[in-house]
Amino acid sequence: MFINFFNELKSAGLPVTVREYLTLMEALNSDADLANRRVEDFYFLSRAALIKDERNLDKFDRVFGHVFKVST
């Protein structure tokens, strides 16, 4: 599921890197449980880890909504 999300972001032209993806995976697997298993928390965590330019937020929102079937 997360690989598909990463690939969809890349396909949409977002400049996400493998390092950023690995940082996101590390945060999800940490003892701190940063995503709290809620889609809203995962949205903000993934946006913070993967998006570095606010001009890409709309594209990110569209891809996130498409992949996870939610409206952002």
PDB file of N, CA and C in Angstrom:
ATOM      1  N   MET A   1       0.819  -1.187   0.000  1.00  0.00           N
ATOM      2  CA  MET A   1       0.000   0.000   0.000  1.00  0.00           C
ATOM      3  C   MET A   1       0.872   1.265   0.000  1.00  0.00           C
ATOM      4  N   PHE A   2       1.924   1.287   0.829  1.00  0.00           N
ATOM      5  CA  PHE A   2       2.747   2.485   0.913  1.00  0.00           C
ATOM      6  C   PHE A   2       3.630   2.662  -0.323  1.00  0.00           C
ATOM      7  N   ILE A   3       4.066   1.550  -0.898  1.00  0.00           N
ATOM      8  CA  ILE A   3       4.845   1.642  -2.138  1.00  0.00           C
ATOM      9  C   ILE A   3       3.969   2.220  -3.241  1.00  0.00           C
ATOM     10  N   ASN A   4       2.721   1.773  -3.314  1.00  0.00           N
ATOM     11  CA  ASN A   4       1.794   2.309  -4.299  1.00  0.00           C
ATOM     12  C   ASN A   4       1.614   3.806  -4.099  1.00  0.00           C
ATOM     13  N   PHE A   5       1.465   4.261  -2.870  1.00  0.00           N
ATOM     14  CA  PHE A   5       1.325   5.672  -2.554  1.00  0.00           C
ATOM     15  C   PHE A   5       2.551   6.441  -3.043  1.00  0.00           C
ATOM     16  N   PHE A   6       3.736   5.935  -2.731  1.00  0.00           N
ATOM     17  CA  PHE A   6       4.973   6.579  -3.166  1.00  0.00           C
ATOM     18  C   PHE A   6       5.039   6.657  -4.693  1.00  0.00           C
ATOM     19  N   ASN A   7       4.719   5.559  -5.355  1.00  0.00           N
ATOM     20  CA  ASN A   7       4.748   5.542  -6.823  1.00  0.00           C
ATOM     21  C   ASN A   7       3.731   6.493  -7.427  1.00  0.00           C
ATOM     22  N   GLU A   8       2.563   6.595  -6.831  1.00  0.00           N
ATOM     23  CA  GLU A   8       1.543   7.542  -7.320  1.00  0.00           C
ATOM     24  C   GLU A   8       2.019   8.979  -7.160  1.00  0.00           C
ATOM     25  N   LEU A   9       2.680   9.270  -6.058  1.00  0.00           N
ATOM     26  CA  LEU A   9       3.228  10.617  -5.869  1.00  0.00           C
ATOM     27  C   LEU A   9       4.257  10.923  -6.945  1.00  0.00           C
ATOM     28  N   LYS A  10       5.141   9.969  -7.203  1.00  0.00           N
ATOM     29  CA  LYS A  10       6.157  10.154  -8.261  1.00  0.00           C
ATOM     30  C   LYS A  10       5.496  10.341  -9.620  1.00  0.00           C
ATOM     31  N   SER A  11       4.467   9.540  -9.906  1.00  0.00           N
ATOM     32  CA  SER A  11       3.769   9.631 -11.189  1.00  0.00           C
ATOM     33  C   SER A  11       3.077  10.975 -11.369  1.00  0.00           C
ATOM     34  N   ALA A  12       2.658  11.572 -10.266  1.00  0.00           N
ATOM     35  CA  ALA A  12       1.986  12.873 -10.319  1.00  0.00           C
ATOM     36  C   ALA A  12       2.992  14.021 -10.466  1.00  0.00           C
ATOM     37  N   GLY A  13       4.270  13.684 -10.490  1.00  0.00           N
ATOM     38  CA  GLY A  13       5.293  14.702 -10.688  1.00  0.00           C
ATOM     39  C   GLY A  13       5.818  15.321  -9.403  1.00  0.00           C
ATOM     40  N   LEU A  14       5.487  14.737  -8.277  1.00  0.00           N
ATOM     41  CA  LEU A  14       5.988  15.263  -7.007  1.00  0.00           C
ATOM     42  C   LEU A  14       7.428  14.806  -6.793  1.00  0.00           C
ATOM     43  N   PRO A  15       8.291  15.705  -6.357  1.00  0.00           N
ATOM     44  CA  PRO A  15       9.710  15.357  -6.175  1.00  0.00           C
ATOM     45  C   PRO A  15       9.970  14.670  -4.844  1.00  0.00           C
ATOM     46  N   VAL A  16       9.441  13.466  -4.685  1.00  0.00           N
ATOM     47  CA  VAL A  16       9.671  12.702  -3.458  1.00  0.00           C
ATOM     48  C   VAL A  16      10.835  11.755  -3.682  1.00  0.00           C
ATOM     49  N   THR A  17      11.622  11.573  -2.638  1.00  0.00           N
ATOM     50  CA  THR A  17      12.819  10.738  -2.749  1.00  0.00           C
ATOM     51  C   THR A  17      12.660   9.457  -1.942  1.00  0.00           C
ATOM     52  N   VAL A  18      13.488   8.503  -2.257  1.00  0.00           N
ATOM     53  CA  VAL A  18      13.498   7.250  -1.518  1.00  0.00           C
ATOM     54  C   VAL A  18      13.891   7.515  -0.063  1.00  0.00           C
ATOM     55  N   ARG A  19      14.819   8.434   0.157  1.00  0.00           N
ATOM     56  CA  ARG A  19      15.224   8.768   1.534  1.00  0.00           C
ATOM     57  C   ARG A  19      14.030   9.291   2.328  1.00  0.00           C
ATOM     58  N   GLU A  20      13.222  10.146   1.725  1.00  0.00           N
ATOM     59  CA  GLU A  20      12.031  10.669   2.406  1.00  0.00           C
ATOM     60  C   GLU A  20      11.032   9.547   2.684  1.00  0.00           C
ATOM     61  N   TYR A  21      10.885   8.653   1.730  1.00  0.00           N
ATOM     62  CA  TYR A  21       9.995   7.505   1.920  1.00  0.00           C
ATOM     63  C   TYR A  21      10.478   6.636   3.088  1.00  0.00           C
ATOM     64  N   LEU A  22      11.778   6.386   3.149  1.00  0.00           N
ATOM     65  CA  LEU A  22      12.330   5.575   4.233  1.00  0.00           C
ATOM     66  C   LEU A  22      12.167   6.271   5.582  1.00  0.00           C
ATOM     67  N   THR A  23      12.271   7.589   5.600  1.00  0.00           N
ATOM     68  CA  THR A  23      12.035   8.347   6.831  1.00  0.00           C
ATOM     69  C   THR A  23      10.595   8.159   7.287  1.00  0.00           C
ATOM     70  N   LEU A  24       9.663   8.203   6.345  1.00  0.00           N
ATOM     71  CA  LEU A  24       8.252   7.976   6.667  1.00  0.00           C
ATOM     72  C   LEU A  24       8.043   6.568   7.217  1.00  0.00           C
ATOM     73  N   MET A  25       8.647   5.574   6.596  1.00  0.00           N
ATOM     74  CA  MET A  25       8.503   4.194   7.068  1.00  0.00           C
ATOM     75  C   MET A  25       9.103   4.030   8.462  1.00  0.00           C
ATOM     76  N   GLU A  26      10.214   4.676   8.699  1.00  0.00           N
ATOM     77  CA  GLU A  26      10.840   4.611  10.020  1.00  0.00           C
ATOM     78  C   GLU A  26       9.927   5.231  11.079  1.00  0.00           C
ATOM     79  N   ALA A  27       9.304   6.340  10.756  1.00  0.00           N
ATOM     80  CA  ALA A  27       8.384   6.981  11.699  1.00  0.00           C
ATOM     81  C   ALA A  27       7.183   6.083  11.981  1.00  0.00           C
ATOM     82  N   LEU A  28       6.698   5.404  10.974  1.00  0.00           N
ATOM     83  CA  LEU A  28       5.557   4.511  11.169  1.00  0.00           C
ATOM     84  C   LEU A  28       5.921   3.298  12.013  1.00  0.00           C
ATOM     85  N   ASN A  29       7.151   2.845  11.908  1.00  0.00           N
ATOM     86  CA  ASN A  29       7.582   1.646  12.622  1.00  0.00           C
ATOM     87  C   ASN A  29       8.212   1.937  13.974  1.00  0.00           C
ATOM     88  N   SER A  30       8.329   3.197  14.324  1.00  0.00           N
ATOM     89  CA  SER A  30       8.989   3.540  15.578  1.00  0.00           C
ATOM     90  C   SER A  30       8.121   3.193  16.783  1.00  0.00           C
ATOM     91  N   ASP A  31       8.744   3.106  17.923  1.00  0.00           N
ATOM     92  CA  ASP A  31       8.027   2.843  19.168  1.00  0.00           C
ATOM     93  C   ASP A  31       7.092   3.994  19.524  1.00  0.00           C
ATOM     94  N   ALA A  32       7.371   5.178  18.995  1.00  0.00           N
ATOM     95  CA  ALA A  32       6.537   6.342  19.295  1.00  0.00           C
ATOM     96  C   ALA A  32       5.168   6.248  18.633  1.00  0.00           C
ATOM     97  N   ASP A  33       5.036   5.358  17.632  1.00  0.00           N
ATOM     98  CA  ASP A  33       3.763   5.182  16.925  1.00  0.00           C
ATOM     99  C   ASP A  33       3.217   6.522  16.456  1.00  0.00           C
ATOM    100  N   LEU A  34       4.016   7.224  15.667  1.00  0.00           N
ATOM    101  CA  LEU A  34       3.699   8.593  15.284  1.00  0.00           C
ATOM    102  C   LEU A  34       2.425   8.740  14.474  1.00  0.00           C
ATOM    103  N   ALA A  35       1.979   7.712  13.813  1.00  0.00           N
ATOM    104  CA  ALA A  35       0.762   7.841  13.007  1.00  0.00           C
ATOM    105  C   ALA A  35      -0.495   7.486  13.793  1.00  0.00           C
ATOM    106  N   ASN A  36      -0.360   6.876  14.945  1.00  0.00           N
ATOM    107  CA  ASN A  36      -1.508   6.522  15.798  1.00  0.00           C
ATOM    108  C   ASN A  36      -2.582   5.727  15.085  1.00  0.00           C
ATOM    109  N   ARG A  37      -2.265   5.175  13.955  1.00  0.00           N
ATOM    110  CA  ARG A  37      -3.171   4.314  13.199  1.00  0.00           C
ATOM    111  C   ARG A  37      -4.462   5.016  12.742  1.00  0.00           C
ATOM    112  N   ARG A  38      -4.451   6.320  12.664  1.00  0.00           N
ATOM    113  CA  ARG A  38      -5.589   7.076  12.118  1.00  0.00           C
ATOM    114  C   ARG A  38      -5.166   7.677  10.789  1.00  0.00           C
ATOM    115  N   VAL A  39      -6.047   7.664   9.820  1.00  0.00           N
ATOM    116  CA  VAL A  39      -5.702   8.165   8.490  1.00  0.00           C
ATOM    117  C   VAL A  39      -5.343   9.646   8.540  1.00  0.00           C
ATOM    118  N   GLU A  40      -5.979  10.412   9.405  1.00  0.00           N
ATOM    119  CA  GLU A  40      -5.669  11.841   9.519  1.00  0.00           C
ATOM    120  C   GLU A  40      -4.240  12.053  10.011  1.00  0.00           C
ATOM    121  N   ASP A  41      -3.830  11.247  10.981  1.00  0.00           N
ATOM    122  CA  ASP A  41      -2.468  11.352  11.493  1.00  0.00           C
ATOM    123  C   ASP A  41      -1.456  10.929  10.437  1.00  0.00           C
ATOM    124  N   PHE A  42      -1.775   9.871   9.706  1.00  0.00           N
ATOM    125  CA  PHE A  42      -0.882   9.432   8.642  1.00  0.00           C
ATOM    126  C   PHE A  42      -0.779  10.501   7.554  1.00  0.00           C
ATOM    127  N   TYR A  43      -1.877  11.161   7.258  1.00  0.00           N
ATOM    128  CA  TYR A  43      -1.871  12.241   6.254  1.00  0.00           C
ATOM    129  C   TYR A  43      -0.845  13.308   6.640  1.00  0.00           C
ATOM    130  N   PHE A  44      -0.917  13.816   7.864  1.00  0.00           N
ATOM    131  CA  PHE A  44      -0.009  14.883   8.281  1.00  0.00           C
ATOM    132  C   PHE A  44       1.428  14.398   8.408  1.00  0.00           C
ATOM    133  N   LEU A  45       1.606  13.185   8.885  1.00  0.00           N
ATOM    134  CA  LEU A  45       2.950  12.628   8.986  1.00  0.00           C
ATOM    135  C   LEU A  45       3.569  12.458   7.603  1.00  0.00           C
ATOM    136  N   SER A  46       2.833  11.888   6.679  1.00  0.00           N
ATOM    137  CA  SER A  46       3.378  11.669   5.339  1.00  0.00           C
ATOM    138  C   SER A  46       3.596  12.987   4.607  1.00  0.00           C
ATOM    139  N   ARG A  47       2.718  13.941   4.806  1.00  0.00           N
ATOM    140  CA  ARG A  47       2.894  15.253   4.168  1.00  0.00           C
ATOM    141  C   ARG A  47       4.151  15.932   4.692  1.00  0.00           C
ATOM    142  N   ALA A  48       4.387  15.853   6.004  1.00  0.00           N
ATOM    143  CA  ALA A  48       5.583  16.464   6.588  1.00  0.00           C
ATOM    144  C   ALA A  48       6.863  15.771   6.118  1.00  0.00           C
ATOM    145  N   ALA A  49       6.804  14.456   5.971  1.00  0.00           N
ATOM    146  CA  ALA A  49       8.002  13.708   5.580  1.00  0.00           C
ATOM    147  C   ALA A  49       8.309  13.814   4.092  1.00  0.00           C
ATOM    148  N   LEU A  50       7.275  13.939   3.270  1.00  0.00           N
ATOM    149  CA  LEU A  50       7.471  13.831   1.823  1.00  0.00           C
ATOM    150  C   LEU A  50       7.419  15.142   1.050  1.00  0.00           C
ATOM    151  N   ILE A  51       6.734  16.133   1.562  1.00  0.00           N
ATOM    152  CA  ILE A  51       6.535  17.374   0.796  1.00  0.00           C
ATOM    153  C   ILE A  51       7.371  18.494   1.395  1.00  0.00           C
ATOM    154  N   LYS A  52       8.234  19.060   0.587  1.00  0.00           N
ATOM    155  CA  LYS A  52       9.135  20.109   1.056  1.00  0.00           C
ATOM    156  C   LYS A  52       8.823  21.481   0.462  1.00  0.00           C
ATOM    157  N   ASP A  53       7.880  21.549  -0.449  1.00  0.00           N
ATOM    158  CA  ASP A  53       7.532  22.816  -1.098  1.00  0.00           C
ATOM    159  C   ASP A  53       6.018  22.958  -1.092  1.00  0.00           C
ATOM    160  N   GLU A  54       5.529  24.034  -0.533  1.00  0.00           N
ATOM    161  CA  GLU A  54       4.077  24.212  -0.406  1.00  0.00           C
ATOM    162  C   GLU A  54       3.349  24.229  -1.740  1.00  0.00           C
ATOM    163  N   ARG A  55       4.066  24.483  -2.824  1.00  0.00           N
ATOM    164  CA  ARG A  55       3.428  24.453  -4.152  1.00  0.00           C
ATOM    165  C   ARG A  55       2.960  23.047  -4.518  1.00  0.00           C
ATOM    166  N   ASN A  56       3.460  22.048  -3.825  1.00  0.00           N
ATOM    167  CA  ASN A  56       3.096  20.664  -4.120  1.00  0.00           C
ATOM    168  C   ASN A  56       1.984  20.118  -3.228  1.00  0.00           C
ATOM    169  N   LEU A  57       1.476  20.923  -2.321  1.00  0.00           N
ATOM    170  CA  LEU A  57       0.462  20.434  -1.386  1.00  0.00           C
ATOM    171  C   LEU A  57      -0.830  20.008  -2.073  1.00  0.00           C
ATOM    172  N   ASP A  58      -1.283  20.746  -3.062  1.00  0.00           N
ATOM    173  CA  ASP A  58      -2.520  20.368  -3.756  1.00  0.00           C
ATOM    174  C   ASP A  58      -2.371  19.034  -4.478  1.00  0.00           C
ATOM    175  N   LYS A  59      -1.238  18.840  -5.146  1.00  0.00           N
ATOM    176  CA  LYS A  59      -0.993  17.559  -5.821  1.00  0.00           C
ATOM    177  C   LYS A  59      -0.957  16.428  -4.800  1.00  0.00           C
ATOM    178  N   PHE A  60      -0.279  16.673  -3.691  1.00  0.00           N
ATOM    179  CA  PHE A  60      -0.195  15.663  -2.635  1.00  0.00           C
ATOM    180  C   PHE A  60      -1.592  15.301  -2.141  1.00  0.00           C
ATOM    181  N   ASP A  61      -2.412  16.313  -1.893  1.00  0.00           N
ATOM    182  CA  ASP A  61      -3.777  16.074  -1.408  1.00  0.00           C
ATOM    183  C   ASP A  61      -4.581  15.224  -2.393  1.00  0.00           C
ATOM    184  N   ARG A  62      -4.459  15.526  -3.685  1.00  0.00           N
ATOM    185  CA  ARG A  62      -5.191  14.751  -4.690  1.00  0.00           C
ATOM    186  C   ARG A  62      -4.733  13.295  -4.710  1.00  0.00           C
ATOM    187  N   VAL A  63      -3.434  13.074  -4.689  1.00  0.00           N
ATOM    188  CA  VAL A  63      -2.907  11.710  -4.711  1.00  0.00           C
ATOM    189  C   VAL A  63      -3.299  10.975  -3.434  1.00  0.00           C
ATOM    190  N   PHE A  64      -3.165  11.618  -2.299  1.00  0.00           N
ATOM    191  CA  PHE A  64      -3.519  10.982  -1.028  1.00  0.00           C
ATOM    192  C   PHE A  64      -4.990  10.572  -1.039  1.00  0.00           C
ATOM    193  N   GLY A  65      -5.853  11.478  -1.456  1.00  0.00           N
ATOM    194  CA  GLY A  65      -7.279  11.171  -1.512  1.00  0.00           C
ATOM    195  C   GLY A  65      -7.585  10.023  -2.450  1.00  0.00           C
ATOM    196  N   HIS A  66      -6.906   9.998  -3.588  1.00  0.00           N
ATOM    197  CA  HIS A  66      -7.109   8.929  -4.567  1.00  0.00           C
ATOM    198  C   HIS A  66      -6.639   7.578  -4.022  1.00  0.00           C
ATOM    199  N   VAL A  67      -5.443   7.542  -3.473  1.00  0.00           N
ATOM    200  CA  VAL A  67      -4.866   6.278  -3.010  1.00  0.00           C
ATOM    201  C   VAL A  67      -5.589   5.748  -1.785  1.00  0.00           C
ATOM    202  N   PHE A  68      -5.926   6.618  -0.847  1.00  0.00           N
ATOM    203  CA  PHE A  68      -6.522   6.158   0.407  1.00  0.00           C
ATOM    204  C   PHE A  68      -8.042   6.364   0.462  1.00  0.00           C
ATOM    205  N   LYS A  69      -8.617   6.791  -0.647  1.00  0.00           N
ATOM    206  CA  LYS A  69     -10.067   6.931  -0.773  1.00  0.00           C
ATOM    207  C   LYS A  69     -10.687   7.821   0.314  1.00  0.00           C
ATOM    208  N   VAL A  70     -10.027   8.969   0.553  1.00  0.00           N
ATOM    209  CA  VAL A  70     -10.540   9.946   1.512  1.00  0.00           C
ATOM    210  C   VAL A  70     -10.513  11.324   0.870  1.00  0.00           C
ATOM    211  N   SER A  71     -11.310  12.222   1.397  1.00  0.00           N
ATOM    212  CA  SER A  71     -11.220  13.609   0.940  1.00  0.00           C
ATOM    213  C   SER A  71     -10.382  14.365   1.944  1.00  0.00           C
ATOM    214  N   THR A  72      -9.436  15.144   1.419  1.00  0.00           N
ATOM    215  CA  THR A  72      -8.524  15.885   2.291  1.00  0.00           C
ATOM    216  C   THR A  72      -8.873  17.343   2.301  1.00  0.00           C
TER     217      THR A  72
END
